[in-house]
Amino acid sequence: MTDKTMKNALRMVLQLLINAIIVLLLIQAFTFAYNFFYKVFTDKSVNPASQTEIAFVVEPDSSTIEIIDNLVDAGLVSDKYVMIAKVYLSSYHGKMMPGTYMLSPSMTQEEIMKTITGSMNEEE
């Protein structure tokens, strides 16, 4: 083999490796996006079997992010970023009312949002 043939073979192998890495990165990105949005558009609770109730306080002038951080800290929501996306994509954004609410880890994210926005009372 000549040097030119060897360089061409090495270049082809390198291009193949780069293409394989790009494909694997794309697969990882699509898998991450699918899993994230699956969690955003499904409604699950942290612990469906839980019987405990937690007094959750929404302070006046709390931002949506602060409220969600407090929900995560209280063990009522498992993924901060999923909940942020869920709130911003829903009709609940900007409607969270200050007060003390009795919430449970068995409540779904939708039930929690309905409760702290006062939407739960409107349906009844």
Protein backbone atom coordinates (compact mmCIF):
# COMPACT_ATOMS: atom_id res chain seq x y z
CA MET A 1 0.00 0.00 0.00
CA THR A 2 1.14 3.45 -0.77
CA ASP A 3 1.00 6.43 1.54
CA LYS A 4 -1.84 7.93 -0.48
CA THR A 5 -3.95 4.78 -0.19
CA MET A 6 -3.24 4.57 3.52
CA LYS A 7 -4.25 8.22 4.05
CA ASN A 8 -7.49 7.67 2.13
CA ALA A 9 -8.32 4.57 4.17
CA LEU A 10 -7.56 6.40 7.42
CA ARG A 11 -9.69 9.37 6.33
CA MET A 12 -12.63 7.06 5.52
CA VAL A 13 -12.36 5.30 8.89
CA LEU A 14 -12.18 8.66 10.69
CA GLN A 15 -15.24 9.96 8.81
CA LEU A 16 -17.11 6.77 9.64
CA LEU A 17 -16.27 7.15 13.35
CA ILE A 18 -17.33 10.81 13.34
CA ASN A 19 -20.63 9.92 11.63
CA ALA A 20 -21.25 7.11 14.12
CA ILE A 21 -20.62 9.48 17.05
CA ILE A 22 -23.00 12.06 15.55
CA VAL A 23 -25.71 9.42 15.10
CA LEU A 24 -25.28 8.21 18.69
CA LEU A 25 -25.47 11.79 20.02
CA LEU A 26 -28.65 12.40 18.01
CA ILE A 27 -30.19 9.21 19.38
CA GLN A 28 -29.31 10.31 22.93
CA ALA A 29 -30.79 13.78 22.35
CA PHE A 30 -34.03 12.38 20.93
CA THR A 31 -34.30 9.84 23.76
CA PHE A 32 -33.82 12.57 26.36
CA ALA A 33 -36.40 14.82 24.65
CA TYR A 34 -38.92 11.98 24.36
CA ASN A 35 -38.56 11.00 28.03
CA PHE A 36 -38.77 14.62 29.19
CA PHE A 37 -41.91 15.43 27.22
CA TYR A 38 -43.47 12.09 28.13
CA LYS A 39 -43.16 13.15 31.78
CA VAL A 40 -44.53 16.63 30.96
CA PHE A 41 -47.64 15.30 29.23
CA THR A 42 -48.41 12.46 31.63
CA ASP A 43 -49.87 13.08 35.04
CA LYS A 44 -48.23 11.12 37.83
CA SER A 45 -47.89 11.43 41.56
CA VAL A 46 -44.70 11.07 43.57
CA ASN A 47 -46.10 8.29 45.78
CA PRO A 48 -49.59 7.02 44.91
CA ALA A 49 -49.81 4.94 48.10
CA SER A 50 -49.01 7.80 50.47
CA GLN A 51 -51.61 8.71 53.09
CA THR A 52 -49.70 11.69 54.51
CA GLU A 53 -50.82 15.26 54.06
CA ILE A 54 -48.44 18.19 54.06
CA ALA A 55 -49.37 21.77 54.85
CA PHE A 56 -47.91 23.65 51.88
CA VAL A 57 -47.66 27.44 52.09
CA VAL A 58 -47.63 29.70 49.03
CA GLU A 59 -46.31 33.06 50.13
CA PRO A 60 -47.64 36.28 48.55
CA ASP A 61 -45.39 37.50 45.71
CA SER A 62 -43.76 34.08 45.27
CA SER A 63 -42.60 33.38 41.75
CA THR A 64 -43.63 30.23 39.91
CA ILE A 65 -40.07 28.90 40.17
CA GLU A 66 -39.97 29.49 43.94
CA ILE A 67 -43.29 27.68 44.38
CA ILE A 68 -42.08 24.74 42.31
CA ASP A 69 -38.79 24.64 44.24
CA ASN A 70 -40.80 24.48 47.47
CA LEU A 71 -42.98 21.68 46.03
CA VAL A 72 -39.84 19.69 45.19
CA ASP A 73 -38.35 20.37 48.65
CA ALA A 74 -41.60 19.20 50.29
CA GLY A 75 -41.51 15.95 48.32
CA LEU A 76 -44.72 16.72 46.42
CA VAL A 77 -43.11 16.92 42.97
CA SER A 78 -40.23 14.75 41.80
CA ASP A 79 -38.80 16.72 38.84
CA LYS A 80 -38.48 20.49 38.98
CA TYR A 81 -37.97 21.02 35.25
CA VAL A 82 -40.88 18.79 34.25
CA MET A 83 -43.16 20.73 36.60
CA ILE A 84 -41.89 24.08 35.27
CA ALA A 85 -42.65 22.98 31.71
CA LYS A 86 -46.04 21.62 32.77
CA VAL A 87 -47.02 24.90 34.47
CA TYR A 88 -45.83 27.11 31.63
CA LEU A 89 -47.63 24.98 29.04
CA SER A 90 -50.87 24.93 31.04
CA SER A 91 -53.50 27.50 31.87
CA TYR A 92 -52.25 27.59 35.50
CA HIS A 93 -49.26 29.87 34.85
CA GLY A 94 -49.52 33.05 36.88
CA LYS A 95 -52.67 31.88 38.70
CA MET A 96 -51.14 30.36 41.83
CA MET A 97 -52.79 31.95 44.84
CA PRO A 98 -51.14 32.62 48.20
CA GLY A 99 -52.37 30.53 51.09
CA THR A 100 -51.91 27.30 52.98
CA TYR A 101 -52.95 24.12 51.19
CA MET A 102 -53.14 20.53 52.37
CA LEU A 103 -51.30 18.51 49.72
CA SER A 104 -50.24 14.90 49.56
CA PRO A 105 -47.51 13.01 47.68
CA SER A 106 -50.35 10.85 46.34
CA MET A 107 -51.79 13.83 44.44
CA THR A 108 -50.98 14.11 40.74
CA GLN A 109 -49.25 17.18 39.40
CA GLU A 110 -52.53 18.30 37.86
CA GLU A 111 -54.35 17.98 41.19
CA ILE A 112 -51.62 19.97 42.93
CA MET A 113 -51.85 22.75 40.33
CA LYS A 114 -55.64 22.81 40.55
CA THR A 115 -55.47 23.05 44.32
CA ILE A 116 -52.95 25.91 44.55
CA THR A 117 -54.67 27.90 41.79
CA GLY A 118 -58.12 27.50 43.31
CA SER A 119 -59.37 25.64 40.21
CA MET A 120 -60.33 22.59 42.29
CA ASN A 121 -63.06 24.58 44.06
CA GLU A 122 -64.46 25.94 40.80
CA GLU A 123 -65.09 22.42 39.44
CA GLU A 124 -67.04 21.23 42.48
